[in-house]
Amino acid sequence: MKKENWIKNQLRDGKTVYPLWAAIGSATLAEAAVYAGWPVILIDNEHGTASLETTVRMVRAVESAGGHVIVRVPWNDHVYLKRILDLGVQSIMIPMISDKESAEEAVAACRYPPHGRRGYAAPIVRASGYGANSDYAKYAMDELLLIAQIEHVDAIENVSDIADVDGIDLLFIGPNDLAGSMNHFENMANSEVVGAFENIEKQVQASNKILGCFPIPDVSLLELQRRGHQFIAAQGDISLFMRAASEAARERDDSVIEKQ
């Protein structure tokens, strides 16, 4: 029985997906976020704290609340990709895809032979319901959503080639690392970085692949949508917590001052 990828279907239908970035590694907060109105949770295994064991707990928590999961893996590593797929994750983001070869390697790592080189353990992994879904291996490739992060200056001239790789569904611009690789660290508003961002946008739009990004300064979410972005990661769990905690601290201090 084929398990459809809800996120992939949303994107195919032309809808915009806004994932909540989950870096804290808390299954409880990920579950709560779904109930709070964030149906797509992106679990960050690159910079976040979640181990594989924590990640599968987060996946279960999100799915139990009716949500859907993406995992950003630490690197384009076929061993790690295999393990994330075996957990039942259907949507995967891979950092630092800078050329056609690395894109092809990512796809091959996620597909069973003869289309790739993913190791076979289908009858015993969570992805197949521990063997209950005997057709899992037959349909796994169809429902996979692979997101290639374009986040280095070396990738700019290769964007069209990356987009041409069968199996890469979405190209996601990472402006912070892009700026750093262009000697404009922590300066996404630099004109050279903005120009590179727009260059990547145009190349992806000229392909048949989906475009996504982290927002850049002074560009609204609506404007990003108008520019063709269907996958926009604008919020994260730690930043939401820090804003709420800071506001609560200010309210506390204001209340104490008023009473003195």
C-alpha atoms as a PDB file:
ATOM      1  CA  MET A   1       0.000   0.000   0.000  1.00  0.00           C
ATOM      2  CA  LYS A   2       1.420   3.357  -1.030  1.00  0.00           C
ATOM      3  CA  LYS A   3       1.748   6.001   1.691  1.00  0.00           C
ATOM      4  CA  GLU A   4       1.317   9.340  -0.020  1.00  0.00           C
ATOM      5  CA  ASN A   5       3.611  12.252   0.781  1.00  0.00           C
ATOM      6  CA  TRP A   6       1.277  15.054   1.879  1.00  0.00           C
ATOM      7  CA  ILE A   7       3.982  17.724   1.620  1.00  0.00           C
ATOM      8  CA  LYS A   8       4.905  16.702  -1.909  1.00  0.00           C
ATOM      9  CA  ASN A   9       1.249  16.733  -2.923  1.00  0.00           C
ATOM     10  CA  GLN A  10       0.786  20.240  -1.527  1.00  0.00           C
ATOM     11  CA  LEU A  11       3.733  21.483  -3.561  1.00  0.00           C
ATOM     12  CA  ARG A  12       2.540  19.676  -6.697  1.00  0.00           C
ATOM     13  CA  ASP A  13      -0.810  21.449  -6.321  1.00  0.00           C
ATOM     14  CA  GLY A  14       0.970  24.821  -6.340  1.00  0.00           C
ATOM     15  CA  LYS A  15       0.456  25.532  -2.640  1.00  0.00           C
ATOM     16  CA  THR A  16       3.047  27.199  -0.427  1.00  0.00           C
ATOM     17  CA  VAL A  17       4.441  25.207   2.494  1.00  0.00           C
ATOM     18  CA  TYR A  18       5.770  26.992   5.598  1.00  0.00           C
ATOM     19  CA  PRO A  19       7.714  24.516   7.761  1.00  0.00           C
ATOM     20  CA  LEU A  20       8.545  25.233  11.365  1.00  0.00           C
ATOM     21  CA  TRP A  21      12.255  24.646  11.919  1.00  0.00           C
ATOM     22  CA  ALA A  22      12.762  22.321  14.897  1.00  0.00           C
ATOM     23  CA  ALA A  23      16.282  22.600  16.306  1.00  0.00           C
ATOM     24  CA  ILE A  24      15.651  22.025  20.010  1.00  0.00           C
ATOM     25  CA  GLY A  25      15.179  18.281  19.662  1.00  0.00           C
ATOM     26  CA  SER A  26      11.972  18.126  21.704  1.00  0.00           C
ATOM     27  CA  ALA A  27       9.233  15.712  20.648  1.00  0.00           C
ATOM     28  CA  THR A  28       6.799  17.501  22.958  1.00  0.00           C
ATOM     29  CA  LEU A  29       7.397  20.927  21.409  1.00  0.00           C
ATOM     30  CA  ALA A  30       7.230  19.498  17.886  1.00  0.00           C
ATOM     31  CA  GLU A  31       3.903  17.853  18.697  1.00  0.00           C
ATOM     32  CA  ALA A  32       2.583  21.030  20.331  1.00  0.00           C
ATOM     33  CA  ALA A  33       3.614  23.083  17.289  1.00  0.00           C
ATOM     34  CA  VAL A  34       1.347  20.974  15.081  1.00  0.00           C
ATOM     35  CA  TYR A  35      -1.590  21.629  17.389  1.00  0.00           C
ATOM     36  CA  ALA A  36      -0.645  25.325  17.362  1.00  0.00           C
ATOM     37  CA  GLY A  37      -1.068  25.511  13.587  1.00  0.00           C
ATOM     38  CA  TRP A  38       2.219  24.308  12.060  1.00  0.00           C
ATOM     39  CA  PRO A  39       1.370  21.161  10.057  1.00  0.00           C
ATOM     40  CA  VAL A  40       4.911  20.748   8.692  1.00  0.00           C
ATOM     41  CA  ILE A  41       7.843  20.327  11.080  1.00  0.00           C
ATOM     42  CA  LEU A  42      11.401  20.346   9.762  1.00  0.00           C
ATOM     43  CA  ILE A  43      13.658  18.424  12.143  1.00  0.00           C
ATOM     44  CA  ASP A  44      17.181  19.778  11.918  1.00  0.00           C
ATOM     45  CA  ASN A  45      19.854  17.103  12.231  1.00  0.00           C
ATOM     46  CA  GLU A  46      22.565  19.405  10.862  1.00  0.00           C
ATOM     47  CA  HIS A  47      22.629  22.161  13.479  1.00  0.00           C
ATOM     48  CA  GLY A  48      19.950  20.862  15.832  1.00  0.00           C
ATOM     49  CA  THR A  49      20.493  18.593  18.825  1.00  0.00           C
ATOM     50  CA  ALA A  50      18.342  15.598  17.861  1.00  0.00           C
ATOM     51  CA  SER A  51      20.004  12.187  17.611  1.00  0.00           C
ATOM     52  CA  LEU A  52      18.473   9.432  15.486  1.00  0.00           C
ATOM     53  CA  GLU A  53      16.625   8.113  18.536  1.00  0.00           C
ATOM     54  CA  THR A  54      15.272  11.574  19.314  1.00  0.00           C
ATOM     55  CA  THR A  55      14.393  12.123  15.670  1.00  0.00           C
ATOM     56  CA  VAL A  56      12.177   9.045  15.469  1.00  0.00           C
ATOM     57  CA  ARG A  57      10.415  10.130  18.667  1.00  0.00           C
ATOM     58  CA  MET A  58       9.808  13.532  17.104  1.00  0.00           C
ATOM     59  CA  VAL A  59       8.512  11.930  13.907  1.00  0.00           C
ATOM     60  CA  ARG A  60       6.045   9.822  15.894  1.00  0.00           C
ATOM     61  CA  ALA A  61       4.915  12.815  17.941  1.00  0.00           C
ATOM     62  CA  VAL A  62       4.342  15.017  14.899  1.00  0.00           C
ATOM     63  CA  GLU A  63       2.502  12.301  12.996  1.00  0.00           C
ATOM     64  CA  SER A  64       0.336  11.450  16.005  1.00  0.00           C
ATOM     65  CA  ALA A  65      -0.803  15.089  16.052  1.00  0.00           C
ATOM     66  CA  GLY A  66      -1.693  14.931  12.365  1.00  0.00           C
ATOM     67  CA  GLY A  67       1.434  16.713  11.109  1.00  0.00           C
ATOM     68  CA  HIS A  68       4.092  15.949   8.545  1.00  0.00           C
ATOM     69  CA  VAL A  69       7.865  15.780   8.820  1.00  0.00           C
ATOM     70  CA  ILE A  70      10.945  16.829   6.893  1.00  0.00           C
ATOM     71  CA  VAL A  71      14.414  15.966   8.163  1.00  0.00           C
ATOM     72  CA  ARG A  72      17.487  17.997   7.283  1.00  0.00           C
ATOM     73  CA  VAL A  73      20.390  15.579   7.402  1.00  0.00           C
ATOM     74  CA  PRO A  74      23.865  16.704   8.536  1.00  0.00           C
ATOM     75  CA  TRP A  75      25.509  16.065   5.171  1.00  0.00           C
ATOM     76  CA  ASN A  76      25.170  14.316   1.824  1.00  0.00           C
ATOM     77  CA  ASP A  77      26.078  11.003   3.450  1.00  0.00           C
ATOM     78  CA  HIS A  78      24.552   7.849   1.972  1.00  0.00           C
ATOM     79  CA  VAL A  79      24.749   6.009   5.305  1.00  0.00           C
ATOM     80  CA  TYR A  80      22.855   8.674   7.234  1.00  0.00           C
ATOM     81  CA  LEU A  81      20.333   9.135   4.422  1.00  0.00           C
ATOM     82  CA  LYS A  82      19.615   5.405   4.467  1.00  0.00           C
ATOM     83  CA  ARG A  83      18.920   5.459   8.190  1.00  0.00           C
ATOM     84  CA  ILE A  84      16.598   8.470   7.971  1.00  0.00           C
ATOM     85  CA  LEU A  85      14.661   6.820   5.141  1.00  0.00           C
ATOM     86  CA  ASP A  86      14.386   3.596   7.145  1.00  0.00           C
ATOM     87  CA  LEU A  87      12.746   5.610   9.940  1.00  0.00           C
ATOM     88  CA  GLY A  88       9.899   6.358   7.534  1.00  0.00           C
ATOM     89  CA  VAL A  89      10.805   9.925   6.638  1.00  0.00           C
ATOM     90  CA  GLN A  90       9.584  10.756   3.126  1.00  0.00           C
ATOM     91  CA  SER A  91      10.857  14.338   2.845  1.00  0.00           C
ATOM     92  CA  ILE A  92      14.561  15.065   3.210  1.00  0.00           C
ATOM     93  CA  MET A  93      16.664  18.220   2.945  1.00  0.00           C
ATOM     94  CA  ILE A  94      20.358  17.872   2.096  1.00  0.00           C
ATOM     95  CA  PRO A  95      22.812  20.730   2.742  1.00  0.00           C
ATOM     96  CA  MET A  96      25.526  22.104   0.459  1.00  0.00           C
ATOM     97  CA  ILE A  97      24.534  20.646  -2.889  1.00  0.00           C
ATOM     98  CA  SER A  98      26.861  22.573  -5.166  1.00  0.00           C
ATOM     99  CA  ASP A  99      27.086  20.569  -8.388  1.00  0.00           C
ATOM    100  CA  LYS A 100      25.360  17.960 -10.497  1.00  0.00           C
ATOM    101  CA  GLU A 101      27.523  15.134  -9.136  1.00  0.00           C
ATOM    102  CA  SER A 102      26.574  15.761  -5.499  1.00  0.00           C
ATOM    103  CA  ALA A 103      22.898  15.967  -6.487  1.00  0.00           C
ATOM    104  CA  GLU A 104      23.142  12.648  -8.313  1.00  0.00           C
ATOM    105  CA  GLU A 105      24.865  11.073  -5.306  1.00  0.00           C
ATOM    106  CA  ALA A 106      22.037  12.237  -3.040  1.00  0.00           C
ATOM    107  CA  VAL A 107      19.391  10.757  -5.303  1.00  0.00           C
ATOM    108  CA  ALA A 108      21.260   7.459  -5.661  1.00  0.00           C
ATOM    109  CA  ALA A 109      21.571   7.165  -1.873  1.00  0.00           C
ATOM    110  CA  CYS A 110      17.795   7.457  -1.526  1.00  0.00           C
ATOM    111  CA  ARG A 111      16.712   5.010  -4.239  1.00  0.00           C
ATOM    112  CA  TYR A 112      16.783   1.237  -4.248  1.00  0.00           C
ATOM    113  CA  PRO A 113      18.556  -0.581  -7.083  1.00  0.00           C
ATOM    114  CA  PRO A 114      18.485  -0.469 -10.050  1.00  0.00           C
ATOM    115  CA  HIS A 115      17.747   3.262  -9.730  1.00  0.00           C
ATOM    116  CA  GLY A 116      20.207   3.884  -6.889  1.00  0.00           C
ATOM    117  CA  ARG A 117      22.258   2.258  -4.148  1.00  0.00           C
ATOM    118  CA  ARG A 118      20.119   2.453  -1.026  1.00  0.00           C
ATOM    119  CA  GLY A 119      20.745  -0.541   1.201  1.00  0.00           C
ATOM    120  CA  TYR A 120      17.851  -2.958   1.560  1.00  0.00           C
ATOM    121  CA  ALA A 121      16.179  -3.738   4.867  1.00  0.00           C
ATOM    122  CA  ALA A 122      12.579  -3.013   3.879  1.00  0.00           C
ATOM    123  CA  PRO A 123      10.903  -5.883   5.772  1.00  0.00           C
ATOM    124  CA  ILE A 124      12.230  -4.813   9.186  1.00  0.00           C
ATOM    125  CA  VAL A 125      12.204  -0.992   9.207  1.00  0.00           C
ATOM    126  CA  ARG A 126       9.653   1.521  10.431  1.00  0.00           C
ATOM    127  CA  ALA A 127       9.210   2.876   6.889  1.00  0.00           C
ATOM    128  CA  SER A 128       7.420  -0.326   5.850  1.00  0.00           C
ATOM    129  CA  GLY A 129       5.507  -0.720   9.101  1.00  0.00           C
ATOM    130  CA  TYR A 130       8.125  -3.307  10.051  1.00  0.00           C
ATOM    131  CA  GLY A 131       7.125  -5.393   7.056  1.00  0.00           C
ATOM    132  CA  ALA A 132       3.351  -4.909   7.263  1.00  0.00           C
ATOM    133  CA  ASN A 133       3.482  -2.885   4.043  1.00  0.00           C
ATOM    134  CA  SER A 134       4.989  -5.409   1.658  1.00  0.00           C
ATOM    135  CA  ASP A 135       4.829  -2.923  -1.244  1.00  0.00           C
ATOM    136  CA  TYR A 136       6.954  -0.285   0.478  1.00  0.00           C
ATOM    137  CA  ALA A 137      10.087  -0.753  -1.623  1.00  0.00           C
ATOM    138  CA  LYS A 138       8.034  -0.660  -4.810  1.00  0.00           C
ATOM    139  CA  TYR A 139       6.585   2.794  -4.124  1.00  0.00           C
ATOM    140  CA  ALA A 140       9.134   4.465  -1.834  1.00  0.00           C
ATOM    141  CA  MET A 141      10.843   6.331  -4.670  1.00  0.00           C
ATOM    142  CA  ASP A 142       7.541   7.769  -5.959  1.00  0.00           C
ATOM    143  CA  GLU A 143       6.688   9.460  -2.675  1.00  0.00           C
ATOM    144  CA  LEU A 144      10.141  10.775  -1.836  1.00  0.00           C
ATOM    145  CA  LEU A 145      10.640  14.560  -1.662  1.00  0.00           C
ATOM    146  CA  LEU A 146      14.297  15.522  -1.992  1.00  0.00           C
ATOM    147  CA  ILE A 147      15.316  19.099  -1.227  1.00  0.00           C
ATOM    148  CA  ALA A 148      18.752  20.300  -2.327  1.00  0.00           C
ATOM    149  CA  GLN A 149      20.152  23.259  -0.416  1.00  0.00           C
ATOM    150  CA  ILE A 150      21.856  25.801  -2.660  1.00  0.00           C
ATOM    151  CA  GLU A 151      24.025  27.730  -0.236  1.00  0.00           C
ATOM    152  CA  HIS A 152      27.519  28.219  -1.629  1.00  0.00           C
ATOM    153  CA  VAL A 153      28.938  30.512  -4.262  1.00  0.00           C
ATOM    154  CA  ASP A 154      30.281  27.462  -6.129  1.00  0.00           C
ATOM    155  CA  ALA A 155      26.709  26.263  -6.687  1.00  0.00           C
ATOM    156  CA  ILE A 156      25.518  29.352  -8.566  1.00  0.00           C
ATOM    157  CA  GLU A 157      26.902  28.348 -11.950  1.00  0.00           C
ATOM    158  CA  ASN A 158      25.593  24.790 -11.469  1.00  0.00           C
ATOM    159  CA  VAL A 159      21.998  25.509 -10.449  1.00  0.00           C
ATOM    160  CA  SER A 160      20.519  24.572 -13.820  1.00  0.00           C
ATOM    161  CA  ASP A 161      22.475  21.301 -13.872  1.00  0.00           C
ATOM    162  CA  ILE A 162      21.355  20.471 -10.323  1.00  0.00           C
ATOM    163  CA  ALA A 163      17.749  21.205 -11.252  1.00  0.00           C
ATOM    164  CA  ASP A 164      18.036  18.841 -14.226  1.00  0.00           C
ATOM    165  CA  VAL A 165      18.837  15.861 -11.980  1.00  0.00           C
ATOM    166  CA  ASP A 166      15.925  13.433 -11.883  1.00  0.00           C
ATOM    167  CA  GLY A 167      14.906  12.943  -8.258  1.00  0.00           C
ATOM    168  CA  ILE A 168      15.751  16.437  -7.021  1.00  0.00           C
ATOM    169  CA  ASP A 169      12.353  18.008  -6.413  1.00  0.00           C
ATOM    170  CA  LEU A 170      13.088  21.324  -4.748  1.00  0.00           C
ATOM    171  CA  LEU A 171      16.037  23.721  -4.663  1.00  0.00           C
ATOM    172  CA  PHE A 172      16.253  25.680  -1.421  1.00  0.00           C
ATOM    173  CA  ILE A 173      18.372  28.833  -1.192  1.00  0.00           C
ATOM    174  CA  GLY A 174      20.327  29.246   2.041  1.00  0.00           C
ATOM    175  CA  PRO A 175      21.285  32.940   2.043  1.00  0.00           C
ATOM    176  CA  ASN A 176      23.361  32.959   5.235  1.00  0.00           C
ATOM    177  CA  ASP A 177      25.907  30.402   4.076  1.00  0.00           C
ATOM    178  CA  LEU A 178      25.734  31.814   0.565  1.00  0.00           C
ATOM    179  CA  ALA A 179      26.714  35.233   1.915  1.00  0.00           C
ATOM    180  CA  GLY A 180      29.554  33.727   3.956  1.00  0.00           C
ATOM    181  CA  SER A 181      30.953  31.920   0.935  1.00  0.00           C
ATOM    182  CA  MET A 182      30.968  35.257  -0.902  1.00  0.00           C
ATOM    183  CA  ASN A 183      32.989  36.975   1.849  1.00  0.00           C
ATOM    184  CA  HIS A 184      29.907  38.774   3.202  1.00  0.00           C
ATOM    185  CA  PHE A 185      29.457  36.783   6.410  1.00  0.00           C
ATOM    186  CA  GLU A 186      26.231  37.698   8.282  1.00  0.00           C
ATOM    187  CA  ASN A 187      25.411  40.306   5.634  1.00  0.00           C
ATOM    188  CA  MET A 188      22.575  38.884   3.548  1.00  0.00           C
ATOM    189  CA  ALA A 189      21.536  42.398   2.542  1.00  0.00           C
ATOM    190  CA  ASN A 190      24.772  42.965   0.622  1.00  0.00           C
ATOM    191  CA  SER A 191      23.996  43.815  -2.996  1.00  0.00           C
ATOM    192  CA  GLU A 192      26.252  41.060  -4.317  1.00  0.00           C
ATOM    193  CA  VAL A 193      24.462  38.470  -2.175  1.00  0.00           C
ATOM    194  CA  VAL A 194      21.041  39.784  -3.190  1.00  0.00           C
ATOM    195  CA  GLY A 195      22.096  39.570  -6.824  1.00  0.00           C
ATOM    196  CA  ALA A 196      23.266  35.969  -6.374  1.00  0.00           C
ATOM    197  CA  PHE A 197      19.971  35.105  -4.653  1.00  0.00           C
ATOM    198  CA  GLU A 198      18.034  36.528  -7.593  1.00  0.00           C
ATOM    199  CA  ASN A 199      20.271  34.704 -10.062  1.00  0.00           C
ATOM    200  CA  ILE A 200      19.523  31.383  -8.357  1.00  0.00           C
ATOM    201  CA  GLU A 201      15.804  32.202  -8.307  1.00  0.00           C
ATOM    202  CA  LYS A 202      15.770  32.786 -12.064  1.00  0.00           C
ATOM    203  CA  GLN A 203      17.624  29.556 -12.817  1.00  0.00           C
ATOM    204  CA  VAL A 204      15.259  27.465 -10.700  1.00  0.00           C
ATOM    205  CA  GLN A 205      12.203  29.195 -12.158  1.00  0.00           C
ATOM    206  CA  ALA A 206      13.478  28.346 -15.649  1.00  0.00           C
ATOM    207  CA  SER A 207      13.500  24.667 -14.675  1.00  0.00           C
ATOM    208  CA  ASN A 208      10.565  22.446 -13.760  1.00  0.00           C
ATOM    209  CA  LYS A 209      11.634  22.240 -10.131  1.00  0.00           C
ATOM    210  CA  ILE A 210      10.195  23.877  -7.004  1.00  0.00           C
ATOM    211  CA  LEU A 211      11.840  26.929  -5.424  1.00  0.00           C
ATOM    212  CA  GLY A 212      12.260  27.594  -1.711  1.00  0.00           C
ATOM    213  CA  CYS A 213      14.321  29.658   0.700  1.00  0.00           C
ATOM    214  CA  PHE A 214      15.091  31.157   4.031  1.00  0.00           C
ATOM    215  CA  PRO A 215      13.778  34.750   3.849  1.00  0.00           C
ATOM    216  CA  ILE A 216      16.204  37.557   3.120  1.00  0.00           C
ATOM    217  CA  PRO A 217      16.133  41.051   4.718  1.00  0.00           C
ATOM    218  CA  ASP A 218      13.432  43.486   3.621  1.00  0.00           C
ATOM    219  CA  VAL A 219      11.571  40.922   1.516  1.00  0.00           C
ATOM    220  CA  SER A 220       8.139  39.903   2.804  1.00  0.00           C
ATOM    221  CA  LEU A 221       6.737  36.393   2.673  1.00  0.00           C
ATOM    222  CA  LEU A 222       4.141  37.606   0.174  1.00  0.00           C
ATOM    223  CA  GLU A 223       6.855  39.001  -2.088  1.00  0.00           C
ATOM    224  CA  LEU A 224       8.759  35.707  -1.900  1.00  0.00           C
ATOM    225  CA  GLN A 225       5.591  33.907  -2.959  1.00  0.00           C
ATOM    226  CA  ARG A 226       5.195  36.289  -5.878  1.00  0.00           C
ATOM    227  CA  ARG A 227       8.781  35.539  -6.868  1.00  0.00           C
ATOM    228  CA  GLY A 228       7.945  31.835  -7.107  1.00  0.00           C
ATOM    229  CA  HIS A 229       8.903  30.434  -3.717  1.00  0.00           C
ATOM    230  CA  GLN A 230       6.632  27.595  -2.596  1.00  0.00           C
ATOM    231  CA  PHE A 231       8.643  26.476   0.424  1.00  0.00           C
ATOM    232  CA  ILE A 232       9.558  29.204   2.896  1.00  0.00           C
ATOM    233  CA  ALA A 233      11.173  28.488   6.261  1.00  0.00           C
ATOM    234  CA  ALA A 234      10.539  31.685   8.202  1.00  0.00           C
ATOM    235  CA  GLN A 235      10.216  30.481  11.787  1.00  0.00           C
ATOM    236  CA  GLY A 236      12.045  28.154  14.162  1.00  0.00           C
ATOM    237  CA  ASP A 237      11.286  26.723  17.580  1.00  0.00           C
ATOM    238  CA  ILE A 238      14.266  28.273  19.369  1.00  0.00           C
ATOM    239  CA  SER A 239      13.669  31.742  17.895  1.00  0.00           C
ATOM    240  CA  LEU A 240       9.986  31.595  18.814  1.00  0.00           C
ATOM    241  CA  PHE A 241      10.895  30.595  22.353  1.00  0.00           C
ATOM    242  CA  MET A 242      13.527  33.322  22.683  1.00  0.00           C
ATOM    243  CA  ARG A 243      11.108  36.005  21.477  1.00  0.00           C
ATOM    244  CA  ALA A 244       8.362  34.836  23.808  1.00  0.00           C
ATOM    245  CA  ALA A 245      10.749  34.462  26.754  1.00  0.00           C
ATOM    246  CA  SER A 246      12.249  37.920  26.146  1.00  0.00           C
ATOM    247  CA  GLU A 247       8.809  39.497  25.961  1.00  0.00           C
ATOM    248  CA  ALA A 248       7.766  37.749  29.182  1.00  0.00           C
ATOM    249  CA  ALA A 249      10.925  39.013  30.890  1.00  0.00           C
ATOM    250  CA  ARG A 250      10.182  42.573  29.771  1.00  0.00           C
ATOM    251  CA  GLU A 251       6.606  42.310  31.041  1.00  0.00           C
ATOM    252  CA  ARG A 252       7.913  40.972  34.355  1.00  0.00           C
ATOM    253  CA  ASP A 253      10.392  43.802  34.726  1.00  0.00           C
ATOM    254  CA  ASP A 254       7.839  46.463  33.734  1.00  0.00           C
ATOM    255  CA  SER A 255       5.406  45.093  36.293  1.00  0.00           C
ATOM    256  CA  VAL A 256       8.043  45.159  39.051  1.00  0.00           C
ATOM    257  CA  ILE A 257       9.098  48.718  38.173  1.00  0.00           C
ATOM    258  CA  GLU A 258       5.500  49.915  38.274  1.00  0.00           C
ATOM    259  CA  LYS A 259       5.072  48.534  41.787  1.00  0.00           C
ATOM    260  CA  GLN A 260       8.226  50.122  43.197  1.00  0.00           C
END
